[in-house]
Amino acid sequence: MEEIDEVLLNRDDGKKIYRLVNMNGGGDLIPWMRYAMQSGDSSFIDGYMENIKDFMYNSGKGKLESVAELVKRRNKERNERLSAFARKKGKGKSGPNILDDFNQENNQGDLMKALKLLDGGKGAKGDAKYREIVWKFDDRGTMGENLVGCCLMQGSPVHKELAMKLITTFPKLVNDIMLSEEYYGLSPLHQAIVNEDPHLVGFLIQNGAEVNQRCYGA
């Protein structure tokens, strides 16, 4: 796993997210976050937060995605290799996504209520079929991470402060998980625990981190 991690950490594949925070301790946001920490003037880093909205669904408010669709994305390569017999049995297939024709951007005030309506008013029982995704699929890093994940993989004081700044500005990032095959389900809270950072753990829980989130990565 360490060898795989090292390979992934040294890849950027030209992804735009690594212009903001890369895997070598740099990126456009790091000097401004460091300046804010040293001077107490956060106006520059605050200004950058507006640009980050473009990397997220509905400017950071997120959107609901069916879990079946997330699994299909995660297992895309494996599904392509399924035998004809397995396909005949229906493995790797998913049902229709009832959110495809629903305009979430114009219904941000009550996403979960809309979900219950679409799912037949079943309440919490139907909620598990969907997950709220904040960072856009195509703008994630090589490990399926968002910008908070990038920061917490670095683990330095400036990266930690930037991660907290991001969550304070865009609260729903606190539960936005990694989506790659290897790290599916890894949350900021998991990363804080791995980093052995009790202060960050407390911050995340106070800001709504889901303590029962599981990581299902390979």
C-alpha atoms as a PDB file:
ATOM      1  CA  MET A   1       0.000   0.000   0.000  1.00  0.00           C
ATOM      2  CA  GLU A   2       2.862   2.396   0.774  1.00  0.00           C
ATOM      3  CA  GLU A   3       4.269   1.894  -2.743  1.00  0.00           C
ATOM      4  CA  ILE A   4       0.859   2.580  -4.287  1.00  0.00           C
ATOM      5  CA  ASP A   5       0.435   5.664  -2.130  1.00  0.00           C
ATOM      6  CA  GLU A   6       3.841   6.978  -3.185  1.00  0.00           C
ATOM      7  CA  VAL A   7       2.989   6.585  -6.865  1.00  0.00           C
ATOM      8  CA  LEU A   8      -0.366   8.316  -6.444  1.00  0.00           C
ATOM      9  CA  LEU A   9       1.104  11.137  -4.390  1.00  0.00           C
ATOM     10  CA  ASN A  10       3.607  11.926  -7.129  1.00  0.00           C
ATOM     11  CA  ARG A  11       0.992  12.027  -9.892  1.00  0.00           C
ATOM     12  CA  ASP A  12      -1.043  15.067 -10.737  1.00  0.00           C
ATOM     13  CA  ASP A  13      -2.282  14.138 -14.240  1.00  0.00           C
ATOM     14  CA  GLY A  14      -2.631  17.850 -14.983  1.00  0.00           C
ATOM     15  CA  LYS A  15      -5.559  18.127 -12.587  1.00  0.00           C
ATOM     16  CA  LYS A  16      -6.683  21.658 -11.775  1.00  0.00           C
ATOM     17  CA  ILE A  17      -7.034  20.915  -8.067  1.00  0.00           C
ATOM     18  CA  TYR A  18      -3.249  20.610  -7.765  1.00  0.00           C
ATOM     19  CA  ARG A  19      -2.802  24.171  -8.940  1.00  0.00           C
ATOM     20  CA  LEU A  20      -4.458  25.191  -5.677  1.00  0.00           C
ATOM     21  CA  VAL A  21      -2.663  22.721  -3.392  1.00  0.00           C
ATOM     22  CA  ASN A  22      -0.194  20.230  -4.826  1.00  0.00           C
ATOM     23  CA  MET A  23       1.465  17.172  -3.336  1.00  0.00           C
ATOM     24  CA  ASN A  24       4.850  18.845  -2.961  1.00  0.00           C
ATOM     25  CA  GLY A  25       3.889  21.427  -0.354  1.00  0.00           C
ATOM     26  CA  GLY A  26       3.055  24.177  -2.830  1.00  0.00           C
ATOM     27  CA  GLY A  27       0.125  25.533  -4.793  1.00  0.00           C
ATOM     28  CA  ASP A  28      -1.523  28.919  -5.272  1.00  0.00           C
ATOM     29  CA  LEU A  29      -3.317  28.921  -1.914  1.00  0.00           C
ATOM     30  CA  ILE A  30      -0.389  28.039   0.351  1.00  0.00           C
ATOM     31  CA  PRO A  31       1.498  31.386   0.263  1.00  0.00           C
ATOM     32  CA  TRP A  32      -1.718  33.309   0.966  1.00  0.00           C
ATOM     33  CA  MET A  33      -2.679  31.014   3.836  1.00  0.00           C
ATOM     34  CA  ARG A  34       0.809  31.348   5.291  1.00  0.00           C
ATOM     35  CA  TYR A  35       0.586  35.129   4.922  1.00  0.00           C
ATOM     36  CA  ALA A  36      -2.762  35.148   6.754  1.00  0.00           C
ATOM     37  CA  MET A  37      -1.294  33.105   9.615  1.00  0.00           C
ATOM     38  CA  GLN A  38       1.731  35.383   9.959  1.00  0.00           C
ATOM     39  CA  SER A  39       0.049  38.760   9.492  1.00  0.00           C
ATOM     40  CA  GLY A  40      -3.485  38.176  10.721  1.00  0.00           C
ATOM     41  CA  ASP A  41      -4.751  39.574   7.402  1.00  0.00           C
ATOM     42  CA  SER A  42      -6.984  36.962   5.768  1.00  0.00           C
ATOM     43  CA  SER A  43      -8.394  39.222   3.055  1.00  0.00           C
ATOM     44  CA  PHE A  44      -6.325  37.634   0.273  1.00  0.00           C
ATOM     45  CA  ILE A  45      -7.134  34.030   1.151  1.00  0.00           C
ATOM     46  CA  ASP A  46     -10.776  35.012   1.662  1.00  0.00           C
ATOM     47  CA  GLY A  47     -10.803  36.417  -1.855  1.00  0.00           C
ATOM     48  CA  TYR A  48      -9.518  33.116  -3.218  1.00  0.00           C
ATOM     49  CA  MET A  49     -12.442  31.290  -1.607  1.00  0.00           C
ATOM     50  CA  GLU A  50     -14.757  32.768  -4.237  1.00  0.00           C
ATOM     51  CA  ASN A  51     -12.770  31.049  -7.005  1.00  0.00           C
ATOM     52  CA  ILE A  52     -13.001  27.697  -5.223  1.00  0.00           C
ATOM     53  CA  LYS A  53     -16.787  27.698  -5.602  1.00  0.00           C
ATOM     54  CA  ASP A  54     -16.330  26.714  -9.245  1.00  0.00           C
ATOM     55  CA  PHE A  55     -14.870  23.362  -8.164  1.00  0.00           C
ATOM     56  CA  MET A  56     -18.003  22.428  -6.222  1.00  0.00           C
ATOM     57  CA  TYR A  57     -21.577  21.560  -7.068  1.00  0.00           C
ATOM     58  CA  ASN A  58     -23.942  24.486  -6.587  1.00  0.00           C
ATOM     59  CA  SER A  59     -21.149  26.712  -5.232  1.00  0.00           C
ATOM     60  CA  GLY A  60     -20.475  24.464  -2.243  1.00  0.00           C
ATOM     61  CA  LYS A  61     -24.046  23.528  -1.398  1.00  0.00           C
ATOM     62  CA  GLY A  62     -23.550  20.093  -2.945  1.00  0.00           C
ATOM     63  CA  LYS A  63     -25.907  17.802  -4.810  1.00  0.00           C
ATOM     64  CA  LEU A  64     -27.459  14.425  -4.143  1.00  0.00           C
ATOM     65  CA  GLU A  65     -26.082  11.464  -6.073  1.00  0.00           C
ATOM     66  CA  SER A  66     -27.407   7.922  -5.998  1.00  0.00           C
ATOM     67  CA  VAL A  67     -25.147   5.468  -4.187  1.00  0.00           C
ATOM     68  CA  ALA A  68     -25.648   3.113  -7.125  1.00  0.00           C
ATOM     69  CA  GLU A  69     -24.078   5.723  -9.414  1.00  0.00           C
ATOM     70  CA  LEU A  70     -21.144   6.199  -7.034  1.00  0.00           C
ATOM     71  CA  VAL A  71     -20.547   2.458  -6.926  1.00  0.00           C
ATOM     72  CA  LYS A  72     -20.783   2.288 -10.713  1.00  0.00           C
ATOM     73  CA  ARG A  73     -18.140   5.001 -11.043  1.00  0.00           C
ATOM     74  CA  ARG A  74     -15.904   3.305  -8.510  1.00  0.00           C
ATOM     75  CA  ASN A  75     -16.146  -0.089 -10.155  1.00  0.00           C
ATOM     76  CA  LYS A  76     -16.150   1.089 -13.775  1.00  0.00           C
ATOM     77  CA  GLU A  77     -12.972  -0.723 -14.789  1.00  0.00           C
ATOM     78  CA  ARG A  78     -13.993  -3.943 -13.070  1.00  0.00           C
ATOM     79  CA  ASN A  79     -17.478  -3.820 -14.580  1.00  0.00           C
ATOM     80  CA  GLU A  80     -15.960  -3.549 -18.052  1.00  0.00           C
ATOM     81  CA  ARG A  81     -14.160  -6.846 -17.439  1.00  0.00           C
ATOM     82  CA  LEU A  82     -17.227  -8.768 -16.290  1.00  0.00           C
ATOM     83  CA  SER A  83     -17.815 -11.966 -18.214  1.00  0.00           C
ATOM     84  CA  ALA A  84     -20.855 -12.381 -20.410  1.00  0.00           C
ATOM     85  CA  PHE A  85     -22.236 -14.822 -17.851  1.00  0.00           C
ATOM     86  CA  ALA A  86     -21.914 -12.316 -15.016  1.00  0.00           C
ATOM     87  CA  ARG A  87     -23.624  -9.648 -17.093  1.00  0.00           C
ATOM     88  CA  LYS A  88     -26.450 -12.050 -17.898  1.00  0.00           C
ATOM     89  CA  LYS A  89     -26.958 -12.537 -14.177  1.00  0.00           C
ATOM     90  CA  GLY A  90     -27.249  -8.771 -13.788  1.00  0.00           C
ATOM     91  CA  LYS A  91     -24.146  -8.180 -11.682  1.00  0.00           C
ATOM     92  CA  GLY A  92     -22.668  -4.708 -11.755  1.00  0.00           C
ATOM     93  CA  LYS A  93     -25.907  -3.138 -12.930  1.00  0.00           C
ATOM     94  CA  SER A  94     -27.878  -0.429 -11.187  1.00  0.00           C
ATOM     95  CA  GLY A  95     -31.426   0.856 -11.362  1.00  0.00           C
ATOM     96  CA  PRO A  96     -32.453   4.220 -12.802  1.00  0.00           C
ATOM     97  CA  ASN A  97     -31.308   7.342 -10.994  1.00  0.00           C
ATOM     98  CA  ILE A  98     -34.469   9.257 -10.109  1.00  0.00           C
ATOM     99  CA  LEU A  99     -32.417  12.418  -9.556  1.00  0.00           C
ATOM    100  CA  ASP A 100     -31.352  12.693 -13.209  1.00  0.00           C
ATOM    101  CA  ASP A 101     -34.275  14.952 -14.128  1.00  0.00           C
ATOM    102  CA  PHE A 102     -34.458  16.848 -10.850  1.00  0.00           C
ATOM    103  CA  ASN A 103     -33.066  20.389 -10.807  1.00  0.00           C
ATOM    104  CA  GLN A 104     -31.139  20.438  -7.543  1.00  0.00           C
ATOM    105  CA  GLU A 105     -29.651  23.875  -8.159  1.00  0.00           C
ATOM    106  CA  ASN A 106     -33.066  25.506  -7.835  1.00  0.00           C
ATOM    107  CA  ASN A 107     -34.077  23.421  -4.826  1.00  0.00           C
ATOM    108  CA  GLN A 108     -31.093  23.884  -2.523  1.00  0.00           C
ATOM    109  CA  GLY A 109     -33.156  24.862   0.499  1.00  0.00           C
ATOM    110  CA  ASP A 110     -34.643  21.415   0.962  1.00  0.00           C
ATOM    111  CA  LEU A 111     -32.646  18.682  -0.774  1.00  0.00           C
ATOM    112  CA  MET A 112     -33.477  15.916   1.676  1.00  0.00           C
ATOM    113  CA  LYS A 113     -37.190  16.764   1.632  1.00  0.00           C
ATOM    114  CA  ALA A 114     -37.090  16.583  -2.162  1.00  0.00           C
ATOM    115  CA  LEU A 115     -35.361  13.205  -1.913  1.00  0.00           C
ATOM    116  CA  LYS A 116     -38.096  11.834   0.330  1.00  0.00           C
ATOM    117  CA  LEU A 117     -40.719  13.102  -2.112  1.00  0.00           C
ATOM    118  CA  LEU A 118     -38.969  11.485  -5.070  1.00  0.00           C
ATOM    119  CA  ASP A 119     -38.482   8.252  -3.139  1.00  0.00           C
ATOM    120  CA  GLY A 120     -42.145   7.903  -2.274  1.00  0.00           C
ATOM    121  CA  GLY A 121     -42.128   9.663   1.084  1.00  0.00           C
ATOM    122  CA  LYS A 122     -40.374   6.801   2.849  1.00  0.00           C
ATOM    123  CA  GLY A 123     -38.334   9.094   5.063  1.00  0.00           C
ATOM    124  CA  ALA A 124     -35.015   7.962   6.475  1.00  0.00           C
ATOM    125  CA  LYS A 125     -35.336   4.475   5.003  1.00  0.00           C
ATOM    126  CA  GLY A 126     -34.851   5.825   1.494  1.00  0.00           C
ATOM    127  CA  ASP A 127     -32.121   8.325   2.373  1.00  0.00           C
ATOM    128  CA  ALA A 128     -29.419   5.628   2.397  1.00  0.00           C
ATOM    129  CA  LYS A 129     -29.861   5.238  -1.371  1.00  0.00           C
ATOM    130  CA  TYR A 130     -28.321   8.665  -1.940  1.00  0.00           C
ATOM    131  CA  ARG A 131     -25.309  10.615  -0.801  1.00  0.00           C
ATOM    132  CA  GLU A 132     -24.564  14.305  -0.901  1.00  0.00           C
ATOM    133  CA  ILE A 133     -21.473  15.100  -2.982  1.00  0.00           C
ATOM    134  CA  VAL A 134     -19.878  18.542  -2.760  1.00  0.00           C
ATOM    135  CA  TRP A 135     -16.639  18.556  -4.792  1.00  0.00           C
ATOM    136  CA  LYS A 136     -17.201  17.892  -8.498  1.00  0.00           C
ATOM    137  CA  PHE A 137     -16.232  14.437  -9.745  1.00  0.00           C
ATOM    138  CA  ASP A 138     -14.065  15.698 -12.584  1.00  0.00           C
ATOM    139  CA  ASP A 139     -12.185  18.191 -10.402  1.00  0.00           C
ATOM    140  CA  ARG A 140     -10.972  15.711  -7.788  1.00  0.00           C
ATOM    141  CA  GLY A 141      -7.412  14.524  -7.324  1.00  0.00           C
ATOM    142  CA  THR A 142      -5.917  11.182  -8.318  1.00  0.00           C
ATOM    143  CA  MET A 143      -7.175   9.557  -5.113  1.00  0.00           C
ATOM    144  CA  GLY A 144     -10.681  10.946  -5.487  1.00  0.00           C
ATOM    145  CA  GLU A 145      -9.929  13.663  -2.939  1.00  0.00           C
ATOM    146  CA  ASN A 146     -11.245  17.194  -2.656  1.00  0.00           C
ATOM    147  CA  LEU A 147      -9.151  20.185  -1.577  1.00  0.00           C
ATOM    148  CA  VAL A 148      -9.572  19.419   2.131  1.00  0.00           C
ATOM    149  CA  GLY A 149      -8.244  15.931   1.456  1.00  0.00           C
ATOM    150  CA  CYS A 150      -5.236  17.396  -0.379  1.00  0.00           C
ATOM    151  CA  CYS A 151      -4.445  19.583   2.613  1.00  0.00           C
ATOM    152  CA  LEU A 152      -4.776  16.848   5.217  1.00  0.00           C
ATOM    153  CA  MET A 153      -2.532  14.491   3.257  1.00  0.00           C
ATOM    154  CA  GLN A 154       0.223  17.097   3.634  1.00  0.00           C
ATOM    155  CA  GLY A 155      -0.389  17.540   7.354  1.00  0.00           C
ATOM    156  CA  SER A 156       1.682  20.696   7.907  1.00  0.00           C
ATOM    157  CA  PRO A 157       0.364  23.549  10.110  1.00  0.00           C
ATOM    158  CA  VAL A 158      -0.395  25.754   7.101  1.00  0.00           C
ATOM    159  CA  HIS A 159      -2.231  22.920   5.334  1.00  0.00           C
ATOM    160  CA  LYS A 160      -4.228  22.201   8.479  1.00  0.00           C
ATOM    161  CA  GLU A 161      -5.236  25.859   8.802  1.00  0.00           C
ATOM    162  CA  LEU A 162      -6.270  25.932   5.157  1.00  0.00           C
ATOM    163  CA  ALA A 163      -8.366  22.779   5.603  1.00  0.00           C
ATOM    164  CA  MET A 164     -10.175  24.353   8.562  1.00  0.00           C
ATOM    165  CA  LYS A 165     -10.630  27.572   6.591  1.00  0.00           C
ATOM    166  CA  LEU A 166     -12.236  25.623   3.752  1.00  0.00           C
ATOM    167  CA  ILE A 167     -14.625  23.806   6.079  1.00  0.00           C
ATOM    168  CA  THR A 168     -15.552  27.018   7.887  1.00  0.00           C
ATOM    169  CA  THR A 169     -16.292  28.684   4.543  1.00  0.00           C
ATOM    170  CA  PHE A 170     -17.981  25.665   2.932  1.00  0.00           C
ATOM    171  CA  PRO A 171     -19.438  23.612   5.827  1.00  0.00           C
ATOM    172  CA  LYS A 172     -20.588  20.675   3.717  1.00  0.00           C
ATOM    173  CA  LEU A 173     -16.986  19.774   2.879  1.00  0.00           C
ATOM    174  CA  VAL A 174     -16.695  18.315   6.388  1.00  0.00           C
ATOM    175  CA  ASN A 175     -18.396  15.108   5.196  1.00  0.00           C
ATOM    176  CA  ASP A 176     -17.302  15.076   1.549  1.00  0.00           C
ATOM    177  CA  ILE A 177     -15.514  11.734   1.189  1.00  0.00           C
ATOM    178  CA  MET A 178     -12.851  10.452  -1.202  1.00  0.00           C
ATOM    179  CA  LEU A 179     -14.339   8.525  -4.130  1.00  0.00           C
ATOM    180  CA  SER A 180     -11.512   6.467  -5.641  1.00  0.00           C
ATOM    181  CA  GLU A 181     -11.410   2.671  -5.543  1.00  0.00           C
ATOM    182  CA  GLU A 182      -8.497   2.634  -3.077  1.00  0.00           C
ATOM    183  CA  TYR A 183      -9.820   5.269  -0.675  1.00  0.00           C
ATOM    184  CA  TYR A 184     -13.594   5.241  -1.133  1.00  0.00           C
ATOM    185  CA  GLY A 185     -15.287   6.635   1.971  1.00  0.00           C
ATOM    186  CA  LEU A 186     -12.209   8.277   3.517  1.00  0.00           C
ATOM    187  CA  SER A 187     -13.383  11.452   5.253  1.00  0.00           C
ATOM    188  CA  PRO A 188     -11.601  14.453   6.798  1.00  0.00           C
ATOM    189  CA  LEU A 189     -12.305  12.931  10.220  1.00  0.00           C
ATOM    190  CA  HIS A 190     -10.541   9.709   9.218  1.00  0.00           C
ATOM    191  CA  GLN A 191      -7.572  11.738   8.006  1.00  0.00           C
ATOM    192  CA  ALA A 192      -7.409  13.746  11.232  1.00  0.00           C
ATOM    193  CA  ILE A 193      -7.347  10.509  13.232  1.00  0.00           C
ATOM    194  CA  VAL A 194      -4.614   9.056  11.006  1.00  0.00           C
ATOM    195  CA  ASN A 195      -2.658  12.297  11.526  1.00  0.00           C
ATOM    196  CA  GLU A 196      -3.085  11.855  15.309  1.00  0.00           C
ATOM    197  CA  ASP A 197      -4.427  15.397  15.603  1.00  0.00           C
ATOM    198  CA  PRO A 198      -6.949  15.633  18.485  1.00  0.00           C
ATOM    199  CA  HIS A 199      -7.427  19.375  17.960  1.00  0.00           C
ATOM    200  CA  LEU A 200      -8.501  18.822  14.358  1.00  0.00           C
ATOM    201  CA  VAL A 201     -10.696  15.872  15.374  1.00  0.00           C
ATOM    202  CA  GLY A 202     -12.502  18.130  17.841  1.00  0.00           C
ATOM    203  CA  PHE A 203     -12.875  20.888  15.247  1.00  0.00           C
ATOM    204  CA  LEU A 204     -14.392  18.497  12.705  1.00  0.00           C
ATOM    205  CA  ILE A 205     -16.858  16.983  15.168  1.00  0.00           C
ATOM    206  CA  GLN A 206     -17.939  20.445  16.303  1.00  0.00           C
ATOM    207  CA  ASN A 207     -18.543  21.300  12.652  1.00  0.00           C
ATOM    208  CA  GLY A 208     -20.772  18.313  11.972  1.00  0.00           C
ATOM    209  CA  ALA A 209     -18.402  15.490  10.989  1.00  0.00           C
ATOM    210  CA  GLU A 210     -20.201  12.157  10.623  1.00  0.00           C
ATOM    211  CA  VAL A 211     -18.607   9.876  13.222  1.00  0.00           C
ATOM    212  CA  ASN A 212     -20.164   6.707  11.755  1.00  0.00           C
ATOM    213  CA  GLN A 213     -18.780   7.183   8.238  1.00  0.00           C
ATOM    214  CA  ARG A 214     -16.955   4.056   7.058  1.00  0.00           C
ATOM    215  CA  CYS A 215     -14.086   3.776   4.603  1.00  0.00           C
ATOM    216  CA  TYR A 216     -14.628   0.985   2.070  1.00  0.00           C
ATOM    217  CA  GLY A 217     -11.486   1.465  -0.009  1.00  0.00           C
ATOM    218  CA  ALA A 218      -9.691  -1.528  -1.489  1.00  0.00           C
END
